[in-house]
Amino acid sequence: MRPTLLYAAAFSIFFALAGCTSEDDTPLMRPAFPESPSPFPTESDELLSDFESLSGLTIPKDAKEITITAEHVANLPVYSVRFLTSRGGAEQFCSGENFAGSYIGDTPTKELIDKFDIKDETVDGVVKCKGSYSNSGIVNREAVALFPSEETVAMYVLVEKWPND
């Protein structure tokens, strides 16, 4: 038997034993999406509590004008939160576990404006905080901080749970 035929036979046996097929749609290759999503709470306080539990982030105590929405994408939760806080509140928020901020420029990019549905102007640049959280599966967390005034920070936050592998 020629070496190339021997290798081909060995790979065929390996893939047969591993349960793989020639299609890319094997159960081992697809992420595990939940069959049906859990409903979101209807009360704002409960929704905010669910957001904090899933994300591992805590809304600062001095936060005001908090708006939160939640939706399911591929049966997984995605939260969008906006609130106003102090500079200290923003620093506390962006220093959560595996969550760090960095200055990214004087004004938000069109991509950030569209992604976070940003409505505020900034007088002191843009800071983006990013990181994952794994206490409740893998959760992607991103936030953008704008400064509509010297004392106030407008935080825009997106949190999404990723499928289990």
Protein backbone atom coordinates (compact mmCIF):
# COMPACT_ATOMS: atom_id res chain seq x y z
CA MET A 1 0.00 0.00 0.00
CA ARG A 2 1.36 3.44 -0.94
CA PRO A 3 2.01 5.93 1.93
CA THR A 4 -0.62 8.43 0.72
CA LEU A 5 -3.27 5.71 0.61
CA LEU A 6 -2.18 4.56 4.06
CA TYR A 7 -2.59 8.12 5.42
CA ALA A 8 -5.99 8.46 3.76
CA ALA A 9 -7.13 5.17 5.27
CA ALA A 10 -5.85 6.19 8.72
CA PHE A 11 -7.70 9.55 8.55
CA SER A 12 -10.89 7.81 7.41
CA ILE A 13 -10.72 5.43 10.35
CA PHE A 14 -9.95 8.30 12.78
CA PHE A 15 -12.92 10.38 11.56
CA ALA A 16 -15.23 7.36 11.64
CA LEU A 17 -14.20 6.56 15.22
CA ALA A 18 -14.51 10.21 16.26
CA GLY A 19 -18.05 10.34 14.91
CA CYS A 20 -17.27 13.03 12.35
CA THR A 21 -18.85 13.17 8.96
CA SER A 22 -17.90 14.94 5.81
CA GLU A 23 -20.45 17.64 6.65
CA ASP A 24 -19.54 20.56 8.93
CA ASP A 25 -22.88 20.26 10.75
CA THR A 26 -21.93 17.69 13.39
CA PRO A 27 -23.12 18.21 16.97
CA LEU A 28 -19.51 18.59 18.09
CA MET A 29 -19.01 21.54 15.73
CA ARG A 30 -22.09 23.61 16.68
CA PRO A 31 -22.40 25.81 19.79
CA ALA A 32 -25.06 24.71 22.25
CA PHE A 33 -27.92 27.22 22.05
CA PRO A 34 -30.73 26.76 24.56
CA GLU A 35 -33.92 25.27 23.14
CA SER A 36 -36.14 28.03 24.52
CA PRO A 37 -35.16 31.19 26.34
CA SER A 38 -36.15 31.99 29.89
CA PRO A 39 -38.50 34.97 30.04
CA PHE A 40 -37.16 38.27 31.31
CA PRO A 41 -38.61 39.83 34.46
CA THR A 42 -41.17 42.56 33.87
CA GLU A 43 -40.11 44.78 36.79
CA SER A 44 -37.16 47.13 36.18
CA ASP A 45 -35.52 46.30 39.53
CA GLU A 46 -35.64 42.57 38.81
CA LEU A 47 -34.33 43.08 35.27
CA LEU A 48 -31.45 45.16 36.64
CA SER A 49 -30.73 42.46 39.23
CA ASP A 50 -30.66 39.81 36.46
CA PHE A 51 -28.28 42.02 34.45
CA GLU A 52 -25.91 42.40 37.43
CA SER A 53 -26.04 38.68 38.21
CA LEU A 54 -25.30 37.64 34.62
CA SER A 55 -22.61 40.26 33.97
CA GLY A 56 -20.83 40.39 37.33
CA LEU A 57 -21.03 44.20 37.07
CA THR A 58 -22.65 46.49 39.62
CA ILE A 59 -24.40 49.71 38.67
CA PRO A 60 -22.88 52.51 40.80
CA LYS A 61 -24.93 53.71 43.77
CA ASP A 62 -24.95 57.28 42.43
CA ALA A 63 -26.34 56.20 39.03
CA LYS A 64 -29.45 57.97 37.78
CA GLU A 65 -31.62 57.91 34.68
CA ILE A 66 -31.06 54.14 34.38
CA THR A 67 -32.64 52.54 31.32
CA ILE A 68 -32.35 48.83 30.66
CA THR A 69 -33.66 46.65 27.87
CA ALA A 70 -33.25 42.96 27.27
CA GLU A 71 -33.86 40.72 24.30
CA HIS A 72 -33.05 37.22 23.20
CA VAL A 73 -30.68 36.66 20.30
CA ALA A 74 -30.38 32.99 19.31
CA ASN A 75 -32.28 32.26 22.55
CA LEU A 76 -29.53 33.90 24.63
CA PRO A 77 -29.93 37.09 26.70
CA VAL A 78 -28.57 40.44 25.52
CA TYR A 79 -28.84 43.46 27.84
CA SER A 80 -28.48 47.10 26.92
CA VAL A 81 -28.09 49.58 29.79
CA ARG A 82 -27.59 53.33 29.88
CA PHE A 83 -27.12 55.45 32.99
CA LEU A 84 -25.55 58.66 34.22
CA THR A 85 -22.99 58.58 37.02
CA SER A 86 -20.04 60.48 38.46
CA ARG A 87 -16.45 59.99 37.31
CA GLY A 88 -15.88 57.94 40.48
CA GLY A 89 -18.95 55.82 39.69
CA ALA A 90 -17.68 55.18 36.16
CA GLU A 91 -14.23 54.22 37.46
CA GLN A 92 -15.80 51.82 39.96
CA PHE A 93 -18.02 50.31 37.25
CA CYS A 94 -15.14 49.79 34.80
CA SER A 95 -12.90 48.18 37.41
CA GLY A 96 -15.01 45.04 37.82
CA GLU A 97 -13.47 41.58 37.62
CA ASN A 98 -11.80 41.06 34.21
CA PHE A 99 -13.21 44.39 33.02
CA ALA A 100 -10.87 47.25 32.18
CA GLY A 101 -11.17 50.61 30.52
CA SER A 102 -8.97 52.48 28.08
CA TYR A 103 -9.14 55.90 26.45
CA ILE A 104 -10.00 55.51 22.77
CA GLY A 105 -10.28 59.06 21.42
CA ASP A 106 -11.89 62.48 21.56
CA THR A 107 -15.24 61.46 20.03
CA PRO A 108 -17.05 58.15 19.54
CA THR A 109 -16.68 56.47 16.17
CA LYS A 110 -19.71 55.87 13.96
CA GLU A 111 -19.36 52.16 14.75
CA LEU A 112 -19.65 52.85 18.51
CA ILE A 113 -22.54 55.28 18.00
CA ASP A 114 -24.45 52.66 16.01
CA LYS A 115 -23.57 49.68 18.22
CA PHE A 116 -24.44 51.40 21.51
CA ASP A 117 -27.14 53.75 20.17
CA ILE A 118 -25.20 56.68 21.63
CA LYS A 119 -27.13 59.94 22.01
CA ASP A 120 -24.77 62.01 24.22
CA GLU A 121 -21.96 64.35 23.20
CA THR A 122 -18.66 64.26 25.08
CA VAL A 123 -16.50 67.10 26.40
CA ASP A 124 -13.62 64.94 27.63
CA GLY A 125 -13.07 62.02 25.26
CA VAL A 126 -14.32 58.45 25.13
CA VAL A 127 -13.37 55.52 27.35
CA LYS A 128 -14.24 51.94 26.41
CA CYS A 129 -14.39 49.17 28.99
CA LYS A 130 -14.29 45.57 27.87
CA GLY A 131 -13.94 42.09 29.30
CA SER A 132 -15.59 38.73 29.73
CA TYR A 133 -17.18 37.10 32.74
CA SER A 134 -17.47 33.37 33.25
CA ASN A 135 -19.43 32.86 36.46
CA SER A 136 -22.63 32.15 34.51
CA GLY A 137 -21.26 30.76 31.26
CA ILE A 138 -19.25 33.01 29.00
CA VAL A 139 -20.55 36.57 28.99
CA ASN A 140 -19.19 39.32 26.75
CA ARG A 141 -19.29 42.79 28.39
CA GLU A 142 -18.61 46.15 26.73
CA ALA A 143 -19.22 49.69 27.92
CA VAL A 144 -18.59 53.15 26.51
CA ALA A 145 -18.16 56.17 28.79
CA LEU A 146 -18.85 59.67 27.47
CA PHE A 147 -18.59 62.90 29.39
CA PRO A 148 -21.55 65.22 28.65
CA SER A 149 -20.20 67.57 31.35
CA GLU A 150 -17.15 67.80 33.59
CA GLU A 151 -18.98 66.07 36.48
CA THR A 152 -21.21 63.60 34.64
CA VAL A 153 -20.44 60.37 32.80
CA ALA A 154 -22.95 58.74 30.45
CA MET A 155 -22.39 54.97 30.43
CA TYR A 156 -23.62 52.78 27.58
CA VAL A 157 -23.35 49.06 28.32
CA LEU A 158 -23.94 45.90 26.25
CA VAL A 159 -23.83 42.45 27.85
CA GLU A 160 -24.45 39.25 25.94
CA LYS A 161 -24.26 35.64 26.96
CA TRP A 162 -22.46 33.37 24.52
CA PRO A 163 -23.47 29.80 23.77
CA ASN A 164 -21.77 27.01 25.69
CA ASP A 165 -19.27 25.08 23.63
